Amino acid sequence: MIISFFAQTGIKLAIILMVIASLLPWLCSVLAKVSGGFRFGKHNQDPRAFLASSQGISARFNHAQANSYETLPVFLAAVLIAIYTFVPMAVVNLLAAGYVLFRIGYIASYAANLGMLRSVNWLLSMLCTLGLFAFAFWFGV
């Protein structure tokens, strides 16, 4: 039933998941600023300095933001290459959904200061990305 859902949604779900993944770093930025007491009138002249001096959960959200930007291009490329090489959409959507869910878990565990869970979520999200590349290689050859 789950595989059927991922197959029936086609490329639209992959596009939605790419948009969600692209918005996660921005969400981390907002959460870092809000939790750190960011004030537009006071801190907007140099928001990077504000975030660089943040501590606690604000700093952790900021670090999650940086890591999210680091993994995003690889994920987006993997999805596009998988689509280009005609990997079945059920596989593309399942792995893309896995990436997004594990990245959300990564951000939540980073905010909660749960280092081991954060690392597991990071690894699983990267395995989803590498899986997309592997399927693309398999179907594209």
Protein backbone atom coordinates (compact mmCIF):
# COMPACT_ATOMS: atom_id res chain seq x y z
CA MET A 1 0.00 0.00 0.00
CA ILE A 2 2.82 2.43 0.87
CA ILE A 3 4.73 1.60 -2.30
CA SER A 4 1.51 2.06 -4.26
CA PHE A 5 1.10 5.56 -2.82
CA PHE A 6 4.65 6.52 -3.76
CA ALA A 7 4.13 5.12 -7.27
CA GLN A 8 0.78 6.83 -7.89
CA THR A 9 1.89 10.30 -6.88
CA GLY A 10 4.48 10.37 -9.65
CA ILE A 11 6.88 13.22 -10.15
CA LYS A 12 4.69 15.72 -8.27
CA LEU A 13 5.61 14.19 -4.91
CA ALA A 14 9.32 14.32 -5.80
CA ILE A 15 8.97 18.01 -6.62
CA ILE A 16 7.12 18.70 -3.37
CA LEU A 17 9.79 16.85 -1.40
CA MET A 18 12.55 18.82 -3.12
CA VAL A 19 10.77 22.06 -2.17
CA ILE A 20 10.34 20.91 1.44
CA ALA A 21 14.02 19.91 1.62
CA SER A 22 14.96 23.31 0.21
CA LEU A 23 12.91 25.08 2.89
CA LEU A 24 14.38 23.17 5.84
CA PRO A 25 17.55 25.32 6.08
CA TRP A 26 15.40 28.46 6.07
CA LEU A 27 13.23 26.97 8.83
CA CYS A 28 16.37 26.27 10.88
CA SER A 29 17.43 29.89 10.39
CA VAL A 30 14.09 31.20 11.60
CA LEU A 31 14.11 28.86 14.61
CA ALA A 32 17.69 29.86 15.45
CA LYS A 33 16.81 33.53 15.35
CA VAL A 34 13.55 33.21 17.27
CA SER A 35 15.06 30.99 19.98
CA GLY A 36 18.06 33.34 20.28
CA GLY A 37 16.01 36.50 20.74
CA PHE A 38 16.67 38.03 17.31
CA ARG A 39 15.18 41.51 16.92
CA PHE A 40 14.82 42.92 13.40
CA GLY A 41 15.52 46.49 14.37
CA LYS A 42 18.56 45.60 16.45
CA HIS A 43 20.12 42.52 14.81
CA ASN A 44 19.07 42.74 11.17
CA GLN A 45 22.12 44.83 10.18
CA ASP A 46 24.38 41.82 10.80
CA PRO A 47 22.32 38.65 11.31
CA ARG A 48 25.29 36.35 10.70
CA ALA A 49 27.19 37.90 13.59
CA PHE A 50 24.09 37.45 15.76
CA LEU A 51 23.87 33.77 14.84
CA ALA A 52 27.63 33.26 15.22
CA SER A 53 27.40 34.50 18.80
CA SER A 54 24.30 32.48 19.63
CA GLN A 55 24.36 29.75 22.26
CA GLY A 56 22.30 26.77 23.33
CA ILE A 57 19.39 25.73 21.16
CA SER A 58 19.81 28.81 18.96
CA ALA A 59 23.37 27.77 18.11
CA ARG A 60 22.26 24.19 17.49
CA PHE A 61 19.55 25.36 15.06
CA ASN A 62 22.16 27.49 13.33
CA HIS A 63 24.49 24.50 13.00
CA ALA A 64 21.59 22.40 11.67
CA GLN A 65 20.97 25.16 9.13
CA ALA A 66 24.58 25.01 7.92
CA ASN A 67 24.52 21.23 7.63
CA SER A 68 21.19 21.37 5.81
CA TYR A 69 22.70 23.68 3.21
CA GLU A 70 25.67 21.33 2.88
CA THR A 71 23.60 18.21 2.11
CA LEU A 72 20.87 19.88 0.04
CA PRO A 73 22.67 20.18 -3.34
CA VAL A 74 23.69 16.53 -3.27
CA PHE A 75 20.12 15.45 -2.50
CA LEU A 76 18.62 17.64 -5.23
CA ALA A 77 21.13 16.34 -7.76
CA ALA A 78 20.41 12.75 -6.74
CA VAL A 79 16.66 13.18 -7.22
CA LEU A 80 17.07 14.84 -10.61
CA ILE A 81 19.56 12.24 -11.83
CA ALA A 82 17.30 9.42 -10.63
CA ILE A 83 14.37 10.93 -12.54
CA TYR A 84 16.55 11.49 -15.62
CA THR A 85 17.69 7.86 -15.63
CA PHE A 86 14.12 6.56 -15.29
CA VAL A 87 14.37 5.13 -11.81
CA PRO A 88 10.80 4.06 -10.93
CA MET A 89 9.00 6.98 -9.29
CA ALA A 90 7.98 4.79 -6.37
CA VAL A 91 11.68 4.34 -5.54
CA VAL A 92 12.52 8.02 -6.11
CA ASN A 93 9.63 9.20 -3.97
CA LEU A 94 10.29 6.68 -1.20
CA LEU A 95 13.97 7.62 -0.91
CA ALA A 96 13.23 11.36 -1.24
CA ALA A 97 10.58 11.11 1.48
CA GLY A 98 13.06 9.19 3.63
CA TYR A 99 15.63 11.93 3.15
CA VAL A 100 13.17 14.66 4.18
CA LEU A 101 11.90 12.73 7.20
CA PHE A 102 15.42 11.89 8.38
CA ARG A 103 16.48 15.53 7.91
CA ILE A 104 13.53 16.63 10.06
CA GLY A 105 14.63 14.05 12.63
CA TYR A 106 18.18 15.39 12.32
CA ILE A 107 17.06 18.96 13.01
CA ALA A 108 14.87 17.90 15.95
CA SER A 109 17.61 15.77 17.51
CA TYR A 110 20.14 18.57 16.99
CA ALA A 111 17.83 21.03 18.75
CA ALA A 112 17.29 18.55 21.59
CA ASN A 113 21.07 18.03 21.89
CA LEU A 114 20.81 14.28 21.20
CA GLY A 115 24.13 13.69 19.46
CA MET A 116 23.84 9.95 18.73
CA LEU A 117 20.30 10.25 17.37
CA ARG A 118 21.40 13.23 15.29
CA SER A 119 24.23 11.19 13.77
CA VAL A 120 21.92 8.27 13.00
CA ASN A 121 19.45 10.59 11.26
CA TRP A 122 22.27 12.20 9.29
CA LEU A 123 23.56 8.79 8.19
CA LEU A 124 20.12 7.55 7.17
CA SER A 125 19.41 10.74 5.19
CA MET A 126 22.71 10.34 3.37
CA LEU A 127 21.96 6.67 2.66
CA CYS A 128 18.71 7.79 1.01
CA THR A 129 20.70 10.19 -1.17
CA LEU A 130 23.32 7.57 -2.01
CA GLY A 131 20.51 5.12 -2.73
CA LEU A 132 19.13 7.51 -5.34
CA PHE A 133 22.54 7.64 -7.00
CA ALA A 134 22.90 3.85 -6.84
CA PHE A 135 19.50 3.28 -8.45
CA ALA A 136 20.30 5.89 -11.09
CA PHE A 137 23.55 4.08 -11.88
CA TRP A 138 21.76 0.75 -12.01
CA PHE A 139 18.91 1.96 -14.22
CA GLY A 140 21.05 4.31 -16.30
CA VAL A 141 23.59 1.73 -17.44
